[in-house]
């Protein structure tokens, strides 16, 4: 079964400035009350944005975070049943593990890998109402893709969803 894109993420050196920028640009409002895994962002400097939809229901929730030690990138998330198993499968298919699985204080688990072309991909575990995986575009050098996968095994809710 194919997994859907369920979450986006924007990471930068100055997360508050990014949240202000995207809030002003797109009218997004952020919930910064739930910490994330330190491997993803400074845990208390990540803001979840609710799922904003078009009239046909199209739209996904997302988040903006990072910090001085984090590379700027944007990604999307795709849901998986088991992040470790998904990372192992990615490796068997020619990918390379970069990070994870890493668990956030909320129980959410994430992992990243590069695909055979060198694009950064990520995986996320945990029962969120949407699942999750990500595609990453690194603006620092060449554009890269990251996909973070999420499983539905341990988290019962996800900030920014309503």
C-alpha atoms as a PDB file:
ATOM      1  CA  UNK A   1       0.000   0.000   0.000  1.00  0.00           C
ATOM      2  CA  UNK A   2       1.308   3.472  -0.890  1.00  0.00           C
ATOM      3  CA  UNK A   3       1.846   5.915   1.967  1.00  0.00           C
ATOM      4  CA  UNK A   4       0.570   9.510   1.690  1.00  0.00           C
ATOM      5  CA  UNK A   5       2.435  12.745   2.327  1.00  0.00           C
ATOM      6  CA  UNK A   6       1.118  13.849   5.713  1.00  0.00           C
ATOM      7  CA  UNK A   7       3.329  16.625   7.154  1.00  0.00           C
ATOM      8  CA  UNK A   8       5.811  19.266   6.004  1.00  0.00           C
ATOM      9  CA  UNK A   9       8.741  20.775   7.860  1.00  0.00           C
ATOM     10  CA  UNK A  10      10.879  23.887   7.389  1.00  0.00           C
ATOM     11  CA  UNK A  11      14.120  24.105   9.374  1.00  0.00           C
ATOM     12  CA  UNK A  12      16.435  27.111   9.609  1.00  0.00           C
ATOM     13  CA  UNK A  13      19.031  28.872  11.732  1.00  0.00           C
ATOM     14  CA  UNK A  14      16.490  31.381  13.169  1.00  0.00           C
ATOM     15  CA  UNK A  15      13.193  29.512  13.708  1.00  0.00           C
ATOM     16  CA  UNK A  16      11.331  32.442  15.294  1.00  0.00           C
ATOM     17  CA  UNK A  17      12.134  34.635  12.277  1.00  0.00           C
ATOM     18  CA  UNK A  18      11.014  31.861   9.921  1.00  0.00           C
ATOM     19  CA  UNK A  19       7.734  31.436  11.828  1.00  0.00           C
ATOM     20  CA  UNK A  20       7.167  35.183  11.679  1.00  0.00           C
ATOM     21  CA  UNK A  21       7.926  35.213   7.940  1.00  0.00           C
ATOM     22  CA  UNK A  22       5.654  32.298   7.038  1.00  0.00           C
ATOM     23  CA  UNK A  23       2.973  33.491   9.466  1.00  0.00           C
ATOM     24  CA  UNK A  24       2.889  36.868   7.740  1.00  0.00           C
ATOM     25  CA  UNK A  25       3.224  35.402   4.252  1.00  0.00           C
ATOM     26  CA  UNK A  26       0.618  32.632   4.508  1.00  0.00           C
ATOM     27  CA  UNK A  27      -1.399  33.504   7.625  1.00  0.00           C
ATOM     28  CA  UNK A  28      -0.101  30.453   9.499  1.00  0.00           C
ATOM     29  CA  UNK A  29      -0.390  30.275  13.287  1.00  0.00           C
ATOM     30  CA  UNK A  30       2.079  28.156  15.266  1.00  0.00           C
ATOM     31  CA  UNK A  31       1.815  26.002  18.394  1.00  0.00           C
ATOM     32  CA  UNK A  32       5.235  25.879  20.098  1.00  0.00           C
ATOM     33  CA  UNK A  33       4.066  24.028  23.212  1.00  0.00           C
ATOM     34  CA  UNK A  34       5.233  20.512  22.201  1.00  0.00           C
ATOM     35  CA  UNK A  35       8.969  19.721  22.103  1.00  0.00           C
ATOM     36  CA  UNK A  36      10.465  17.743  19.227  1.00  0.00           C
ATOM     37  CA  UNK A  37      13.506  15.442  18.958  1.00  0.00           C
ATOM     38  CA  UNK A  38      16.790  17.360  19.261  1.00  0.00           C
ATOM     39  CA  UNK A  39      17.979  15.607  16.095  1.00  0.00           C
ATOM     40  CA  UNK A  40      15.258  17.537  14.208  1.00  0.00           C
ATOM     41  CA  UNK A  41      15.272  20.988  15.875  1.00  0.00           C
ATOM     42  CA  UNK A  42      16.026  22.713  19.136  1.00  0.00           C
ATOM     43  CA  UNK A  43      13.324  20.861  21.108  1.00  0.00           C
ATOM     44  CA  UNK A  44      11.540  23.960  22.421  1.00  0.00           C
ATOM     45  CA  UNK A  45      11.932  26.069  19.262  1.00  0.00           C
ATOM     46  CA  UNK A  46       9.649  24.202  16.868  1.00  0.00           C
ATOM     47  CA  UNK A  47       6.200  25.461  15.943  1.00  0.00           C
ATOM     48  CA  UNK A  48       3.479  23.209  14.566  1.00  0.00           C
ATOM     49  CA  UNK A  49       1.033  24.691  12.069  1.00  0.00           C
ATOM     50  CA  UNK A  50      -2.501  23.310  11.784  1.00  0.00           C
ATOM     51  CA  UNK A  51      -3.735  21.591   8.661  1.00  0.00           C
ATOM     52  CA  UNK A  52      -5.049  24.407   6.467  1.00  0.00           C
ATOM     53  CA  UNK A  53      -7.185  23.064   3.641  1.00  0.00           C
ATOM     54  CA  UNK A  54      -8.652  24.142   0.353  1.00  0.00           C
ATOM     55  CA  UNK A  55     -12.370  23.775  -0.299  1.00  0.00           C
ATOM     56  CA  UNK A  56     -11.807  20.176  -1.476  1.00  0.00           C
ATOM     57  CA  UNK A  57      -9.962  19.229   1.749  1.00  0.00           C
ATOM     58  CA  UNK A  58      -6.441  19.342   0.269  1.00  0.00           C
ATOM     59  CA  UNK A  59      -3.755  20.337   2.774  1.00  0.00           C
ATOM     60  CA  UNK A  60      -1.404  18.894   5.384  1.00  0.00           C
ATOM     61  CA  UNK A  61      -0.148  20.041   8.805  1.00  0.00           C
ATOM     62  CA  UNK A  62       3.454  21.123   9.202  1.00  0.00           C
ATOM     63  CA  UNK A  63       6.090  22.696  11.384  1.00  0.00           C
ATOM     64  CA  UNK A  64       8.852  25.301  11.433  1.00  0.00           C
ATOM     65  CA  UNK A  65      11.890  24.993  13.691  1.00  0.00           C
ATOM     66  CA  UNK A  66      15.652  24.548  13.810  1.00  0.00           C
ATOM     67  CA  UNK A  67      18.300  26.624  15.536  1.00  0.00           C
ATOM     68  CA  UNK A  68      21.863  27.876  15.068  1.00  0.00           C
ATOM     69  CA  UNK A  69      23.305  24.359  14.709  1.00  0.00           C
ATOM     70  CA  UNK A  70      20.758  23.124  12.125  1.00  0.00           C
ATOM     71  CA  UNK A  71      21.115  23.114   8.336  1.00  0.00           C
ATOM     72  CA  UNK A  72      18.355  24.998   6.516  1.00  0.00           C
ATOM     73  CA  UNK A  73      16.009  22.667   4.659  1.00  0.00           C
ATOM     74  CA  UNK A  74      12.397  21.918   3.856  1.00  0.00           C
ATOM     75  CA  UNK A  75      10.898  18.431   3.833  1.00  0.00           C
ATOM     76  CA  UNK A  76       7.665  16.474   3.759  1.00  0.00           C
ATOM     77  CA  UNK A  77       6.644  13.421   5.816  1.00  0.00           C
ATOM     78  CA  UNK A  78       5.149  10.079   4.751  1.00  0.00           C
ATOM     79  CA  UNK A  79       3.671   7.506   7.163  1.00  0.00           C
ATOM     80  CA  UNK A  80       5.200   4.057   7.771  1.00  0.00           C
ATOM     81  CA  UNK A  81       4.399   1.255  10.217  1.00  0.00           C
ATOM     82  CA  UNK A  82       7.935   0.944  11.626  1.00  0.00           C
ATOM     83  CA  UNK A  83      10.744   3.490  11.175  1.00  0.00           C
ATOM     84  CA  UNK A  84      13.579   1.042  11.893  1.00  0.00           C
ATOM     85  CA  UNK A  85      12.186  -1.463   9.404  1.00  0.00           C
ATOM     86  CA  UNK A  86      11.696   1.314   6.847  1.00  0.00           C
ATOM     87  CA  UNK A  87      15.287   2.523   7.339  1.00  0.00           C
ATOM     88  CA  UNK A  88      16.559  -1.044   6.908  1.00  0.00           C
ATOM     89  CA  UNK A  89      14.502  -1.422   3.720  1.00  0.00           C
ATOM     90  CA  UNK A  90      15.863   1.898   2.403  1.00  0.00           C
ATOM     91  CA  UNK A  91      19.392   0.589   3.027  1.00  0.00           C
ATOM     92  CA  UNK A  92      18.663  -2.742   1.312  1.00  0.00           C
ATOM     93  CA  UNK A  93      17.399  -0.791  -1.721  1.00  0.00           C
ATOM     94  CA  UNK A  94      20.623   1.251  -1.947  1.00  0.00           C
ATOM     95  CA  UNK A  95      20.038   4.098   0.519  1.00  0.00           C
ATOM     96  CA  UNK A  96      22.337   5.105   3.393  1.00  0.00           C
ATOM     97  CA  UNK A  97      21.184   5.726   6.969  1.00  0.00           C
ATOM     98  CA  UNK A  98      22.039   9.248   8.197  1.00  0.00           C
ATOM     99  CA  UNK A  99      20.132   9.519  11.497  1.00  0.00           C
ATOM    100  CA  UNK A 100      17.841   7.552  13.736  1.00  0.00           C
ATOM    101  CA  UNK A 101      15.632   6.301  14.808  1.00  0.00           C
ATOM    102  CA  UNK A 102      15.503   9.195  17.329  1.00  0.00           C
ATOM    103  CA  UNK A 103      12.649   9.614  19.853  1.00  0.00           C
ATOM    104  CA  UNK A 104      11.142  13.038  20.715  1.00  0.00           C
ATOM    105  CA  UNK A 105       9.856  13.771  24.241  1.00  0.00           C
ATOM    106  CA  UNK A 106       6.328  13.264  22.859  1.00  0.00           C
ATOM    107  CA  UNK A 107       7.172   9.704  21.776  1.00  0.00           C
ATOM    108  CA  UNK A 108       7.489  10.563  18.080  1.00  0.00           C
ATOM    109  CA  UNK A 109      10.377   8.708  16.393  1.00  0.00           C
ATOM    110  CA  UNK A 110      12.211  10.015  13.315  1.00  0.00           C
ATOM    111  CA  UNK A 111      15.027   8.815  11.099  1.00  0.00           C
ATOM    112  CA  UNK A 112      16.792  10.105   7.976  1.00  0.00           C
ATOM    113  CA  UNK A 113      18.569   8.389   5.108  1.00  0.00           C
ATOM    114  CA  UNK A 114      19.950   9.272   1.700  1.00  0.00           C
ATOM    115  CA  UNK A 115      18.549   7.614  -1.404  1.00  0.00           C
ATOM    116  CA  UNK A 116      20.823   6.087  -4.100  1.00  0.00           C
ATOM    117  CA  UNK A 117      21.160   9.570  -5.715  1.00  0.00           C
ATOM    118  CA  UNK A 118      22.294  11.167  -2.421  1.00  0.00           C
ATOM    119  CA  UNK A 119      18.966  12.872  -1.643  1.00  0.00           C
ATOM    120  CA  UNK A 120      18.357  13.050   2.113  1.00  0.00           C
ATOM    121  CA  UNK A 121      15.293  11.102   3.226  1.00  0.00           C
ATOM    122  CA  UNK A 122      13.726  10.768   6.685  1.00  0.00           C
ATOM    123  CA  UNK A 123      11.392   8.446   8.560  1.00  0.00           C
ATOM    124  CA  UNK A 124       9.167   9.013  11.554  1.00  0.00           C
ATOM    125  CA  UNK A 125       7.568   6.536  13.946  1.00  0.00           C
ATOM    126  CA  UNK A 126       4.644   7.062  16.247  1.00  0.00           C
ATOM    127  CA  UNK A 127       0.876   7.063  16.087  1.00  0.00           C
ATOM    128  CA  UNK A 128      -0.008  10.441  14.782  1.00  0.00           C
ATOM    129  CA  UNK A 129      -3.422  10.815  13.206  1.00  0.00           C
ATOM    130  CA  UNK A 130      -1.653  11.274   9.895  1.00  0.00           C
ATOM    131  CA  UNK A 131       1.465   9.070   9.996  1.00  0.00           C
ATOM    132  CA  UNK A 132       4.490  10.793   8.451  1.00  0.00           C
ATOM    133  CA  UNK A 133       7.623  10.975   6.167  1.00  0.00           C
ATOM    134  CA  UNK A 134       9.611  13.829   4.688  1.00  0.00           C
ATOM    135  CA  UNK A 135      11.335  15.225   1.619  1.00  0.00           C
ATOM    136  CA  UNK A 136      14.194  17.648   2.198  1.00  0.00           C
ATOM    137  CA  UNK A 137      15.533  20.441   0.027  1.00  0.00           C
ATOM    138  CA  UNK A 138      18.920  21.715   1.217  1.00  0.00           C
ATOM    139  CA  UNK A 139      19.409  25.269  -0.037  1.00  0.00           C
ATOM    140  CA  UNK A 140      23.026  25.493   1.200  1.00  0.00           C
ATOM    141  CA  UNK A 141      24.634  23.737  -1.766  1.00  0.00           C
ATOM    142  CA  UNK A 142      22.726  21.613  -4.213  1.00  0.00           C
ATOM    143  CA  UNK A 143      19.043  20.894  -3.820  1.00  0.00           C
ATOM    144  CA  UNK A 144      18.513  17.618  -2.028  1.00  0.00           C
ATOM    145  CA  UNK A 145      15.441  15.639  -1.137  1.00  0.00           C
ATOM    146  CA  UNK A 146      14.669  14.128   2.255  1.00  0.00           C
ATOM    147  CA  UNK A 147      11.814  11.827   3.102  1.00  0.00           C
ATOM    148  CA  UNK A 148      10.999  11.223   6.757  1.00  0.00           C
ATOM    149  CA  UNK A 149       8.806   8.263   7.479  1.00  0.00           C
ATOM    150  CA  UNK A 150       6.480   7.918  10.436  1.00  0.00           C
ATOM    151  CA  UNK A 151       4.781   4.898  11.927  1.00  0.00           C
ATOM    152  CA  UNK A 152       1.512   4.640  13.790  1.00  0.00           C
ATOM    153  CA  UNK A 153       2.662   2.727  16.853  1.00  0.00           C
ATOM    154  CA  UNK A 154       3.188   4.950  19.888  1.00  0.00           C
ATOM    155  CA  UNK A 155       1.893   8.529  19.574  1.00  0.00           C
ATOM    156  CA  UNK A 156      -1.829   9.164  19.875  1.00  0.00           C
ATOM    157  CA  UNK A 157      -1.935  12.796  18.780  1.00  0.00           C
ATOM    158  CA  UNK A 158       0.166  15.258  16.834  1.00  0.00           C
ATOM    159  CA  UNK A 159       0.431  18.938  17.648  1.00  0.00           C
ATOM    160  CA  UNK A 160      -0.998  21.143  14.931  1.00  0.00           C
ATOM    161  CA  UNK A 161      -3.758  18.742  13.953  1.00  0.00           C
ATOM    162  CA  UNK A 162      -7.350  19.444  14.723  1.00  0.00           C
END
